Amino acid sequence: MGKFDVLREAGFEAGNYDLGTDDIIARLEAWDATHGLELESFDGSSLTVRLLRLPDDLDAFSEEVYAFCPDIVWQGCETVEALAASIAETSTVFLWWD
């Protein structure tokens, strides 16, 4: 069983962004391969992961997170720069699709 299979079992998806379970898991697996991830929590529309290694280029990574999950900026921290600062401070990425 894979690290993120619990999301598959729960049918976790972001339908309003046309992201199915496999799309989300694929992105998490890619980040896991480069940065190491721990799934901290998830519910019906959000999940939180902890980065075990911060990206060398945190600005580029934050842009990638924003492209994958725009709601976290639009309805959350308001700027990609604030997202990068939050990731740097907490080593966590909160993903939320409204």
C-alpha atoms as a PDB file:
ATOM      1  CA  MET A   1       0.000   0.000   0.000  1.00  0.00           C
ATOM      2  CA  GLY A   2       1.323   3.417  -0.974  1.00  0.00           C
ATOM      3  CA  LYS A   3       1.760   6.391   1.280  1.00  0.00           C
ATOM      4  CA  PHE A   4      -1.161   8.264  -0.288  1.00  0.00           C
ATOM      5  CA  ASP A   5      -3.547   5.355  -0.912  1.00  0.00           C
ATOM      6  CA  VAL A   6      -5.691   6.566   1.975  1.00  0.00           C
ATOM      7  CA  LEU A   7      -6.686   9.451  -0.315  1.00  0.00           C
ATOM      8  CA  ARG A   8      -7.675   6.967  -3.020  1.00  0.00           C
ATOM      9  CA  GLU A   9      -9.723   4.948  -0.547  1.00  0.00           C
ATOM     10  CA  ALA A  10     -11.503   8.109   0.576  1.00  0.00           C
ATOM     11  CA  GLY A  11     -12.136   9.220  -3.009  1.00  0.00           C
ATOM     12  CA  PHE A  12     -10.386  12.527  -2.327  1.00  0.00           C
ATOM     13  CA  GLU A  13     -10.603  14.850  -5.326  1.00  0.00           C
ATOM     14  CA  ALA A  14     -10.925  18.477  -6.369  1.00  0.00           C
ATOM     15  CA  GLY A  15     -13.806  18.234  -8.800  1.00  0.00           C
ATOM     16  CA  ASN A  16     -14.234  21.970  -9.215  1.00  0.00           C
ATOM     17  CA  TYR A  17     -10.710  22.026 -10.699  1.00  0.00           C
ATOM     18  CA  ASP A  18     -11.104  18.772 -12.647  1.00  0.00           C
ATOM     19  CA  LEU A  19      -8.513  17.098 -10.443  1.00  0.00           C
ATOM     20  CA  GLY A  20      -9.276  13.489  -9.698  1.00  0.00           C
ATOM     21  CA  THR A  21      -7.763  11.389  -6.971  1.00  0.00           C
ATOM     22  CA  ASP A  22      -5.038  10.065  -9.259  1.00  0.00           C
ATOM     23  CA  ASP A  23      -4.067  13.611 -10.327  1.00  0.00           C
ATOM     24  CA  ILE A  24      -3.657  14.713  -6.721  1.00  0.00           C
ATOM     25  CA  ILE A  25      -1.758  11.600  -5.714  1.00  0.00           C
ATOM     26  CA  ALA A  26       0.560  11.943  -8.726  1.00  0.00           C
ATOM     27  CA  ARG A  27       1.459  15.488  -7.678  1.00  0.00           C
ATOM     28  CA  LEU A  28       2.024  14.461  -4.070  1.00  0.00           C
ATOM     29  CA  GLU A  29       4.212  11.549  -5.186  1.00  0.00           C
ATOM     30  CA  ALA A  30       6.307  13.902  -7.330  1.00  0.00           C
ATOM     31  CA  TRP A  31       6.794  16.256  -4.392  1.00  0.00           C
ATOM     32  CA  ASP A  32       7.525  13.286  -2.151  1.00  0.00           C
ATOM     33  CA  ALA A  33      10.256  12.116  -4.518  1.00  0.00           C
ATOM     34  CA  THR A  34      12.024  15.477  -4.459  1.00  0.00           C
ATOM     35  CA  HIS A  35      11.263  16.837  -0.990  1.00  0.00           C
ATOM     36  CA  GLY A  36       9.873  13.996   1.100  1.00  0.00           C
ATOM     37  CA  LEU A  37       6.310  14.368   2.360  1.00  0.00           C
ATOM     38  CA  GLU A  38       4.269  13.245   5.296  1.00  0.00           C
ATOM     39  CA  LEU A  39       0.502  13.400   5.003  1.00  0.00           C
ATOM     40  CA  GLU A  40      -0.610  15.156   8.169  1.00  0.00           C
ATOM     41  CA  SER A  41      -4.353  15.419   7.645  1.00  0.00           C
ATOM     42  CA  PHE A  42      -7.146  15.520   5.119  1.00  0.00           C
ATOM     43  CA  ASP A  43     -10.885  15.965   4.981  1.00  0.00           C
ATOM     44  CA  GLY A  44     -13.429  16.374   2.196  1.00  0.00           C
ATOM     45  CA  SER A  45     -11.788  19.330   0.452  1.00  0.00           C
ATOM     46  CA  SER A  46      -8.384  19.960   2.019  1.00  0.00           C
ATOM     47  CA  LEU A  47      -5.183  18.254   2.985  1.00  0.00           C
ATOM     48  CA  THR A  48      -1.990  19.185   4.767  1.00  0.00           C
ATOM     49  CA  VAL A  49       1.433  17.732   4.064  1.00  0.00           C
ATOM     50  CA  ARG A  50       4.734  18.285   5.823  1.00  0.00           C
ATOM     51  CA  LEU A  51       7.846  18.769   3.713  1.00  0.00           C
ATOM     52  CA  LEU A  52      10.787  16.816   5.077  1.00  0.00           C
ATOM     53  CA  ARG A  53      13.201  18.899   2.972  1.00  0.00           C
ATOM     54  CA  LEU A  54      12.427  22.455   1.934  1.00  0.00           C
ATOM     55  CA  PRO A  55      12.871  23.114  -1.790  1.00  0.00           C
ATOM     56  CA  ASP A  56      16.059  24.875  -2.852  1.00  0.00           C
ATOM     57  CA  ASP A  57      13.931  27.348  -4.834  1.00  0.00           C
ATOM     58  CA  LEU A  58      11.022  28.021  -2.513  1.00  0.00           C
ATOM     59  CA  ASP A  59       9.620  30.742  -4.773  1.00  0.00           C
ATOM     60  CA  ALA A  60       9.365  28.357  -7.737  1.00  0.00           C
ATOM     61  CA  PHE A  61       7.845  25.657  -5.539  1.00  0.00           C
ATOM     62  CA  SER A  62       5.282  28.131  -4.186  1.00  0.00           C
ATOM     63  CA  GLU A  63       4.336  29.083  -7.752  1.00  0.00           C
ATOM     64  CA  GLU A  64       3.854  25.374  -8.463  1.00  0.00           C
ATOM     65  CA  VAL A  65       1.652  24.979  -5.388  1.00  0.00           C
ATOM     66  CA  TYR A  66      -0.363  28.016  -6.454  1.00  0.00           C
ATOM     67  CA  ALA A  67      -0.853  26.650  -9.985  1.00  0.00           C
ATOM     68  CA  PHE A  68      -1.989  23.316  -8.533  1.00  0.00           C
ATOM     69  CA  CYS A  69      -4.220  24.803  -5.840  1.00  0.00           C
ATOM     70  CA  PRO A  70      -5.116  28.466  -6.549  1.00  0.00           C
ATOM     71  CA  ASP A  71      -7.699  28.649  -3.749  1.00  0.00           C
ATOM     72  CA  ILE A  72      -4.965  28.562  -1.135  1.00  0.00           C
ATOM     73  CA  VAL A  73      -3.779  31.949  -2.403  1.00  0.00           C
ATOM     74  CA  TRP A  74      -7.055  33.430  -3.693  1.00  0.00           C
ATOM     75  CA  GLN A  75      -9.018  32.606  -0.554  1.00  0.00           C
ATOM     76  CA  GLY A  76      -6.184  32.093   1.893  1.00  0.00           C
ATOM     77  CA  CYS A  77      -2.817  33.784   2.182  1.00  0.00           C
ATOM     78  CA  GLU A  78      -3.539  36.228  -0.706  1.00  0.00           C
ATOM     79  CA  THR A  79      -0.086  36.219  -2.364  1.00  0.00           C
ATOM     80  CA  VAL A  80       2.399  33.644  -3.566  1.00  0.00           C
ATOM     81  CA  GLU A  81       5.040  35.452  -1.529  1.00  0.00           C
ATOM     82  CA  ALA A  82       2.984  34.937   1.641  1.00  0.00           C
ATOM     83  CA  LEU A  83       2.568  31.272   0.695  1.00  0.00           C
ATOM     84  CA  ALA A  84       6.346  30.907   0.362  1.00  0.00           C
ATOM     85  CA  ALA A  85       6.861  32.570   3.739  1.00  0.00           C
ATOM     86  CA  SER A  86       4.340  30.231   5.359  1.00  0.00           C
ATOM     87  CA  ILE A  87       5.971  27.146   3.853  1.00  0.00           C
ATOM     88  CA  ALA A  88       9.406  28.358   4.962  1.00  0.00           C
ATOM     89  CA  GLU A  89       8.176  28.944   8.505  1.00  0.00           C
ATOM     90  CA  THR A  90       6.109  25.789   8.996  1.00  0.00           C
ATOM     91  CA  SER A  91       7.462  23.275   6.443  1.00  0.00           C
ATOM     92  CA  THR A  92       3.833  22.477   5.697  1.00  0.00           C
ATOM     93  CA  VAL A  93       1.694  22.865   2.612  1.00  0.00           C
ATOM     94  CA  PHE A  94      -2.032  23.254   3.094  1.00  0.00           C
ATOM     95  CA  LEU A  95      -4.057  22.461  -0.024  1.00  0.00           C
ATOM     96  CA  TRP A  96      -7.687  23.436  -0.237  1.00  0.00           C
ATOM     97  CA  TRP A  97     -10.045  23.298  -3.164  1.00  0.00           C
ATOM     98  CA  ASP A  98     -13.264  25.187  -2.485  1.00  0.00           C
END
